[in-house]
Amino acid sequence: MTITHEEHRAVIQGKMKGIIKPAYRTNWGAMYQGDCEEILKRYPLTRQIGKVQLVLTSPPFPLNRKKKYGNLTGEEYLNWLKNLAPLFRNYLSPDGSIVLELGNAWEAGNPVMSTLPLKALMSFLEAGELNLCQEFICYNPARLPTPAQWVTVERIRVKDSFTRVWWMSPVKRPKANNRNVLTEYSRSMQDLLRKGTYNSGPRPSGHHIGKKSFLSDNGGAIPPNLLIPTPTEESLIEVLPIANTRASDSYQVYCRQKNIAPHPARMQPELAEFFIRFLTDRNDLVLDPFAGSNTTGYAAERLKRRWLTIELDAGYVETSEVRFKPEMINEA
């Protein structure tokens, strides 16, 4: 499903209403303030139709409790998210990807999980004619024990501490390279490589492990689709420090100094960096239509990718600009 010449011309004609100017820009990207559906149909963003390598975003979750950053519920949420799929897809390059973080939801007043996020995903896939490339689980140990009524009051549920991250593409083989996200080998794997010996042969699972299967140094371990904050000593899986509790990063320090409330649902920089490394190359274009505090733009800037981001709330746009001070971009 690609945009037709007539559709493209109709979108471009939006420039007759005036050029949308960025709230701020850097050498690598630009942040726009406003509704993403409107801005993505206006010039100059329409010049990037078909050129975005990665749409990486975390839209408002379908929470029953109303949040300051905006969220819908029920069928209204499902239809809203579904209608965004064709718009996002039209911006993708031929081998581009969409990565969408969706949180869990509960039925109002009941200790029962809502299936709305899963229904919204299915509707999004169908409306955009997208393939589901892979599901990722992002575990955040810093999550508060919620829903409080069922977890800390009645004690009949455990705390909900993960979100799902869905990787989609209009093609079955989008650009991706897991060599860009290899992690350090565990101590046991380093010992294996050093000794050059391994207990090869058949396994109870039916797999047959060859003598050289685990004895090649490929520069690091291939990460799994489970993103966790801390490893075990013998772990061979990737570690992403994704707990969102750091109070000393420059963005939060700036907000405290200016007595400004930071965005309450910030994407973790490590999560954004992982997918940008995995699915793009230097100079590729990354788009985040729900930028919030502009973590995606910040990660793209650090990794030398071009970026475009959009955020509805003018206050969040204003505070996000501090991320692009030289001392912040060069943070370790």
Protein backbone atom coordinates (compact mmCIF):
# COMPACT_ATOMS: atom_id res chain seq x y z
CA MET A 1 0.00 0.00 0.00
CA THR A 2 1.81 3.12 -1.24
CA ILE A 3 0.58 6.65 -1.57
CA THR A 4 -0.70 7.52 -5.05
CA HIS A 5 0.44 10.51 -7.08
CA GLU A 6 -2.95 12.17 -6.56
CA GLU A 7 -2.82 11.56 -2.81
CA HIS A 8 0.71 12.90 -2.62
CA ARG A 9 -0.26 16.04 -4.53
CA ALA A 10 -3.29 16.53 -2.27
CA VAL A 11 -1.07 16.26 0.80
CA ILE A 12 1.55 18.60 -0.62
CA GLN A 13 -1.14 21.18 -1.33
CA GLY A 14 -1.41 21.59 2.42
CA LYS A 15 1.54 23.97 2.11
CA MET A 16 -0.88 26.48 0.66
CA LYS A 17 -2.18 26.93 4.20
CA GLY A 18 1.29 27.90 5.35
CA ILE A 19 4.52 26.05 6.04
CA ILE A 20 4.70 24.27 9.39
CA LYS A 21 7.79 25.55 11.17
CA PRO A 22 9.67 23.48 13.76
CA ALA A 23 9.67 24.49 17.41
CA TYR A 24 13.42 23.93 17.30
CA ARG A 25 15.96 22.17 15.15
CA THR A 26 19.50 20.82 15.27
CA ASN A 27 21.97 19.79 12.57
CA TRP A 28 20.35 16.34 12.55
CA GLY A 29 16.65 16.94 13.13
CA ALA A 30 13.63 19.03 14.02
CA MET A 31 10.87 18.97 16.62
CA TYR A 32 7.35 20.11 15.67
CA GLN A 33 4.59 21.09 18.08
CA GLY A 34 1.02 20.08 17.31
CA ASP A 35 -1.26 17.18 16.47
CA CYS A 36 0.68 14.52 14.57
CA GLU A 37 -2.20 13.67 12.21
CA GLU A 38 -2.39 17.29 11.08
CA ILE A 39 1.35 17.93 10.90
CA LEU A 40 2.12 14.76 8.94
CA LYS A 41 -0.24 16.00 6.23
CA ARG A 42 1.46 19.35 5.94
CA TYR A 43 4.54 20.76 4.27
CA PRO A 44 7.52 20.41 4.76
CA LEU A 45 7.06 17.05 6.50
CA THR A 46 5.29 15.72 3.41
CA ARG A 47 8.63 15.97 1.60
CA GLN A 48 9.70 12.97 3.68
CA ILE A 49 6.91 10.66 2.53
CA GLY A 50 8.51 7.36 1.54
CA LYS A 51 11.87 8.29 3.10
CA VAL A 52 11.54 7.38 6.79
CA GLN A 53 13.53 4.29 7.74
CA LEU A 54 12.05 3.92 11.21
CA VAL A 55 8.89 5.14 12.91
CA LEU A 56 9.66 4.66 16.60
CA THR A 57 7.04 5.81 19.07
CA SER A 58 5.11 5.17 22.25
CA PRO A 59 1.57 6.52 21.80
CA PRO A 60 -0.61 7.23 24.83
CA PHE A 61 -1.68 3.95 26.41
CA PRO A 62 -5.40 3.06 26.68
CA LEU A 63 -5.51 3.70 30.43
CA ASN A 64 -8.80 4.03 32.27
CA ARG A 65 -7.38 6.80 34.44
CA LYS A 66 -7.04 10.05 32.50
CA LYS A 67 -3.47 11.31 32.16
CA LYS A 68 -2.19 14.83 31.52
CA TYR A 69 -0.45 13.76 28.31
CA GLY A 70 -3.76 12.53 26.87
CA ASN A 71 -5.24 9.09 26.38
CA LEU A 72 -8.38 7.52 25.01
CA THR A 73 -10.20 4.34 26.02
CA GLY A 74 -12.34 1.63 24.49
CA GLU A 75 -13.43 1.70 20.86
CA GLU A 76 -12.43 5.35 20.62
CA TYR A 77 -8.80 4.39 21.31
CA LEU A 78 -8.92 1.43 18.93
CA ASN A 79 -10.25 3.51 16.04
CA TRP A 80 -7.84 6.36 16.73
CA LEU A 81 -4.76 4.11 16.64
CA LYS A 82 -6.02 2.14 13.65
CA ASN A 83 -6.46 5.30 11.59
CA LEU A 84 -2.83 6.26 12.16
CA ALA A 85 -1.46 3.10 10.51
CA PRO A 86 -1.86 4.12 6.83
CA LEU A 87 -0.46 7.58 7.58
CA PHE A 88 2.65 6.16 9.27
CA ARG A 89 3.14 3.56 6.55
CA ASN A 90 3.09 6.15 3.77
CA TYR A 91 6.12 7.77 5.36
CA LEU A 92 8.18 4.56 5.34
CA SER A 93 10.96 3.75 2.93
CA PRO A 94 10.50 0.50 0.96
CA ASP A 95 12.31 -1.53 3.64
CA GLY A 96 11.37 0.63 6.63
CA SER A 97 9.97 -0.38 10.02
CA ILE A 98 7.43 0.77 12.59
CA VAL A 99 8.21 0.07 16.26
CA LEU A 100 5.30 0.70 18.61
CA GLU A 101 5.42 0.46 22.41
CA LEU A 102 2.04 -0.43 23.87
CA GLY A 103 1.35 -0.81 27.58
CA ASN A 104 -1.14 -3.07 29.25
CA ALA A 105 -4.60 -1.98 30.37
CA TRP A 106 -7.17 -3.17 32.91
CA GLU A 107 -10.93 -3.26 32.80
CA ALA A 108 -12.40 -0.36 34.77
CA GLY A 109 -13.25 -1.36 38.34
CA ASN A 110 -12.26 -5.01 37.91
CA PRO A 111 -9.07 -7.06 38.48
CA VAL A 112 -9.19 -8.24 34.88
CA MET A 113 -6.79 -7.41 32.08
CA SER A 114 -8.23 -5.59 29.07
CA THR A 115 -7.66 -7.08 25.63
CA LEU A 116 -7.91 -3.61 24.07
CA PRO A 117 -4.13 -3.20 23.48
CA LEU A 118 -4.05 -6.50 21.57
CA LYS A 119 -7.14 -5.59 19.57
CA ALA A 120 -5.60 -2.20 18.81
CA LEU A 121 -2.42 -3.90 17.58
CA MET A 122 -4.38 -6.23 15.29
CA SER A 123 -6.41 -3.32 13.91
CA PHE A 124 -3.23 -1.30 13.36
CA LEU A 125 -1.59 -4.18 11.47
CA GLU A 126 -4.64 -4.72 9.26
CA ALA A 127 -5.28 -1.05 8.53
CA GLY A 128 -1.64 -0.50 7.55
CA GLU A 129 -1.26 -3.83 5.75
CA LEU A 130 1.79 -4.52 7.90
CA ASN A 131 3.71 -7.66 8.81
CA LEU A 132 4.47 -8.37 12.47
CA CYS A 133 8.23 -8.93 12.44
CA GLN A 134 8.79 -9.59 16.14
CA GLU A 135 7.44 -8.92 19.62
CA PHE A 136 9.68 -7.54 22.36
CA ILE A 137 9.03 -7.51 26.09
CA CYS A 138 10.43 -4.51 27.95
CA TYR A 139 10.71 -5.18 31.68
CA ASN A 140 10.92 -2.19 34.00
CA PRO A 141 11.59 -3.14 37.67
CA ALA A 142 10.95 0.44 38.77
CA ARG A 143 7.24 0.28 37.98
CA LEU A 144 5.00 1.11 40.92
CA PRO A 145 2.86 -1.77 42.25
CA THR A 146 -0.23 -1.06 40.19
CA PRO A 147 -3.17 -1.38 39.86
CA ALA A 148 -2.98 -0.42 43.53
CA GLN A 149 -6.46 -1.67 44.46
CA TRP A 150 -5.70 -5.20 43.31
CA VAL A 151 -1.97 -5.31 44.11
CA THR A 152 -1.40 -3.43 47.40
CA VAL A 153 -4.89 -3.21 48.91
CA GLU A 154 -6.67 -6.49 48.17
CA ARG A 155 -3.43 -8.35 47.33
CA ILE A 156 -5.04 -10.45 44.62
CA ARG A 157 -2.72 -9.53 41.72
CA VAL A 158 1.01 -8.92 41.27
CA LYS A 159 2.36 -5.67 39.90
CA ASP A 160 2.33 -5.07 36.16
CA SER A 161 5.95 -4.31 35.26
CA PHE A 162 6.39 -4.70 31.51
CA THR A 163 5.28 -3.28 28.21
CA ARG A 164 5.16 -4.90 24.81
CA VAL A 165 7.09 -3.41 21.92
CA TRP A 166 5.87 -4.45 18.47
CA TRP A 167 8.15 -4.38 15.41
CA MET A 168 6.21 -4.13 12.13
CA SER A 169 6.96 -3.53 8.47
CA PRO A 170 5.12 -3.49 5.13
CA VAL A 171 7.71 -6.02 3.87
CA LYS A 172 8.76 -9.35 5.30
CA ARG A 173 12.46 -8.51 5.22
CA PRO A 174 12.92 -4.89 6.38
CA LYS A 175 16.39 -3.50 6.94
CA ALA A 176 17.78 -4.94 10.18
CA ASN A 177 21.19 -6.04 11.44
CA ASN A 178 21.63 -7.65 14.85
CA ARG A 179 25.39 -7.19 14.56
CA ASN A 180 24.73 -3.56 15.46
CA VAL A 181 23.27 -4.53 18.86
CA LEU A 182 25.60 -7.32 19.97
CA THR A 183 26.30 -7.41 23.69
CA GLU A 184 29.34 -8.43 25.69
CA TYR A 185 29.81 -12.16 26.08
CA SER A 186 29.11 -13.59 29.52
CA ARG A 187 32.00 -14.83 31.63
CA SER A 188 31.16 -18.46 30.84
CA MET A 189 31.09 -17.76 27.10
CA GLN A 190 34.43 -15.98 27.34
CA ASP A 191 35.81 -19.11 29.09
CA LEU A 192 34.48 -21.32 26.29
CA LEU A 193 36.15 -19.19 23.63
CA ARG A 194 39.40 -19.18 25.56
CA LYS A 195 39.46 -22.96 26.16
CA GLY A 196 38.26 -23.86 22.68
CA THR A 197 36.31 -26.89 23.92
CA TYR A 198 32.58 -27.53 24.21
CA ASN A 199 30.37 -30.47 25.12
CA SER A 200 28.92 -31.05 21.67
CA GLY A 201 26.38 -33.65 20.61
CA PRO A 202 22.61 -34.30 20.88
CA ARG A 203 20.44 -32.56 23.44
CA PRO A 204 17.18 -33.73 25.09
CA SER A 205 15.35 -31.14 22.99
CA GLY A 206 16.37 -33.01 19.85
CA HIS A 207 18.89 -30.40 18.73
CA HIS A 208 22.39 -31.52 17.80
CA ILE A 209 25.12 -29.09 18.82
CA GLY A 210 28.18 -29.23 16.59
CA LYS A 211 31.72 -28.88 17.88
CA LYS A 212 32.11 -25.39 16.44
CA SER A 213 28.59 -24.11 17.17
CA PHE A 214 29.62 -22.00 20.15
CA LEU A 215 33.32 -21.60 19.55
CA SER A 216 33.32 -18.73 17.05
CA ASP A 217 33.99 -15.26 18.37
CA ASN A 218 31.45 -13.10 16.53
CA GLY A 219 32.22 -9.97 18.49
CA GLY A 220 29.43 -10.37 21.01
CA ALA A 221 26.22 -12.15 21.96
CA ILE A 222 23.04 -11.86 19.91
CA PRO A 223 20.41 -10.18 22.11
CA PRO A 224 16.99 -11.73 22.71
CA ASN A 225 13.60 -10.05 22.43
CA LEU A 226 13.43 -9.83 26.22
CA LEU A 227 14.88 -6.55 27.42
CA ILE A 228 15.82 -6.71 31.09
CA PRO A 229 17.73 -4.42 33.45
CA THR A 230 20.32 -6.72 35.04
CA PRO A 231 22.02 -9.99 34.06
CA THR A 232 22.95 -13.07 36.03
CA GLU A 233 26.59 -14.14 36.16
CA GLU A 234 26.06 -16.91 33.64
CA SER A 235 23.59 -15.11 31.43
CA LEU A 236 24.10 -15.02 27.67
CA ILE A 237 21.24 -12.58 27.11
CA GLU A 238 21.31 -8.90 26.40
CA VAL A 239 21.20 -6.40 29.20
CA LEU A 240 19.49 -3.05 28.77
CA PRO A 241 19.44 -0.81 31.87
CA ILE A 242 15.86 0.26 31.21
CA ALA A 243 14.66 1.15 34.70
CA ASN A 244 13.27 4.65 34.31
CA THR A 245 14.26 5.92 37.76
CA ARG A 246 17.38 7.99 37.16
CA ALA A 247 16.86 11.33 38.84
CA SER A 248 20.27 12.73 37.95
CA ASP A 249 20.09 12.87 34.16
CA SER A 250 20.35 16.36 32.72
CA TYR A 251 16.75 16.49 31.51
CA GLN A 252 15.34 15.88 34.99
CA VAL A 253 17.91 18.17 36.62
CA TYR A 254 16.84 20.97 34.26
CA CYS A 255 13.16 20.38 35.02
CA ARG A 256 13.81 20.54 38.76
CA GLN A 257 15.88 23.70 38.44
CA LYS A 258 13.14 25.41 36.43
CA ASN A 259 10.38 23.98 38.65
CA ILE A 260 8.88 22.26 35.61
CA ALA A 261 7.11 18.91 35.74
CA PRO A 262 8.94 16.45 33.44
CA HIS A 263 7.00 14.26 31.05
CA PRO A 264 5.48 11.48 33.21
CA ALA A 265 5.82 8.67 30.66
CA ARG A 266 9.26 9.07 29.11
CA MET A 267 10.62 6.39 26.80
CA GLN A 268 13.89 5.00 28.10
CA PRO A 269 16.87 6.24 26.02
CA GLU A 270 18.36 2.73 25.97
CA LEU A 271 15.19 1.36 24.40
CA ALA A 272 15.23 3.99 21.66
CA GLU A 273 18.94 3.49 21.02
CA PHE A 274 18.51 -0.29 20.74
CA PHE A 275 15.95 -0.08 17.92
CA ILE A 276 17.72 2.79 16.15
CA ARG A 277 20.95 0.78 16.09
CA PHE A 278 19.16 -2.41 15.09
CA LEU A 279 16.97 -1.05 12.28
CA THR A 280 18.81 1.96 10.83
CA ASP A 281 22.20 3.12 9.63
CA ARG A 282 23.96 6.45 9.99
CA ASN A 283 22.10 9.27 8.16
CA ASP A 284 18.83 7.29 7.99
CA LEU A 285 15.67 9.17 8.96
CA VAL A 286 13.78 8.36 12.20
CA LEU A 287 10.28 9.67 12.98
CA ASP A 288 8.48 9.83 16.34
CA PRO A 289 4.90 11.20 16.10
CA PHE A 290 4.40 11.14 19.92
CA ALA A 291 7.73 12.48 21.03
CA GLY A 292 6.96 13.57 24.61
CA SER A 293 10.31 14.65 26.03
CA ASN A 294 11.93 13.77 22.67
CA THR A 295 13.89 10.74 23.78
CA THR A 296 13.78 9.40 20.21
CA GLY A 297 15.27 12.57 18.77
CA TYR A 298 17.91 12.62 21.50
CA ALA A 299 18.92 9.00 20.81
CA ALA A 300 18.95 9.58 17.04
CA GLU A 301 21.09 12.71 17.45
CA ARG A 302 23.66 10.81 19.51
CA LEU A 303 23.77 8.02 16.92
CA LYS A 304 24.08 10.39 13.93
CA ARG A 305 20.66 9.64 12.45
CA ARG A 306 18.40 12.29 11.00
CA TRP A 307 15.19 12.72 12.95
CA LEU A 308 11.73 14.30 12.91
CA THR A 309 9.58 14.38 16.02
CA ILE A 310 6.14 15.72 16.89
CA GLU A 311 4.56 16.46 20.26
CA LEU A 312 1.15 17.92 21.01
CA ASP A 313 1.94 19.51 24.39
CA ALA A 314 3.81 22.81 24.02
CA GLY A 315 5.25 22.54 27.53
CA TYR A 316 6.84 19.17 26.84
CA VAL A 317 8.24 20.51 23.57
CA GLU A 318 9.83 23.46 25.33
CA THR A 319 11.50 21.42 28.06
CA SER A 320 12.69 18.75 25.62
CA GLU A 321 15.00 21.20 23.87
CA VAL A 322 17.41 21.02 26.81
CA ARG A 323 18.29 17.49 25.72
CA PHE A 324 20.21 18.93 22.77
CA LYS A 325 22.68 21.05 24.65
CA PRO A 326 26.23 19.89 23.73
CA GLU A 327 26.95 18.63 27.24
CA MET A 328 23.83 16.43 27.14
CA ILE A 329 24.45 14.99 23.67
CA ASN A 330 27.96 14.07 24.79
CA GLU A 331 26.78 12.46 28.03
CA ALA A 332 28.21 9.03 28.72
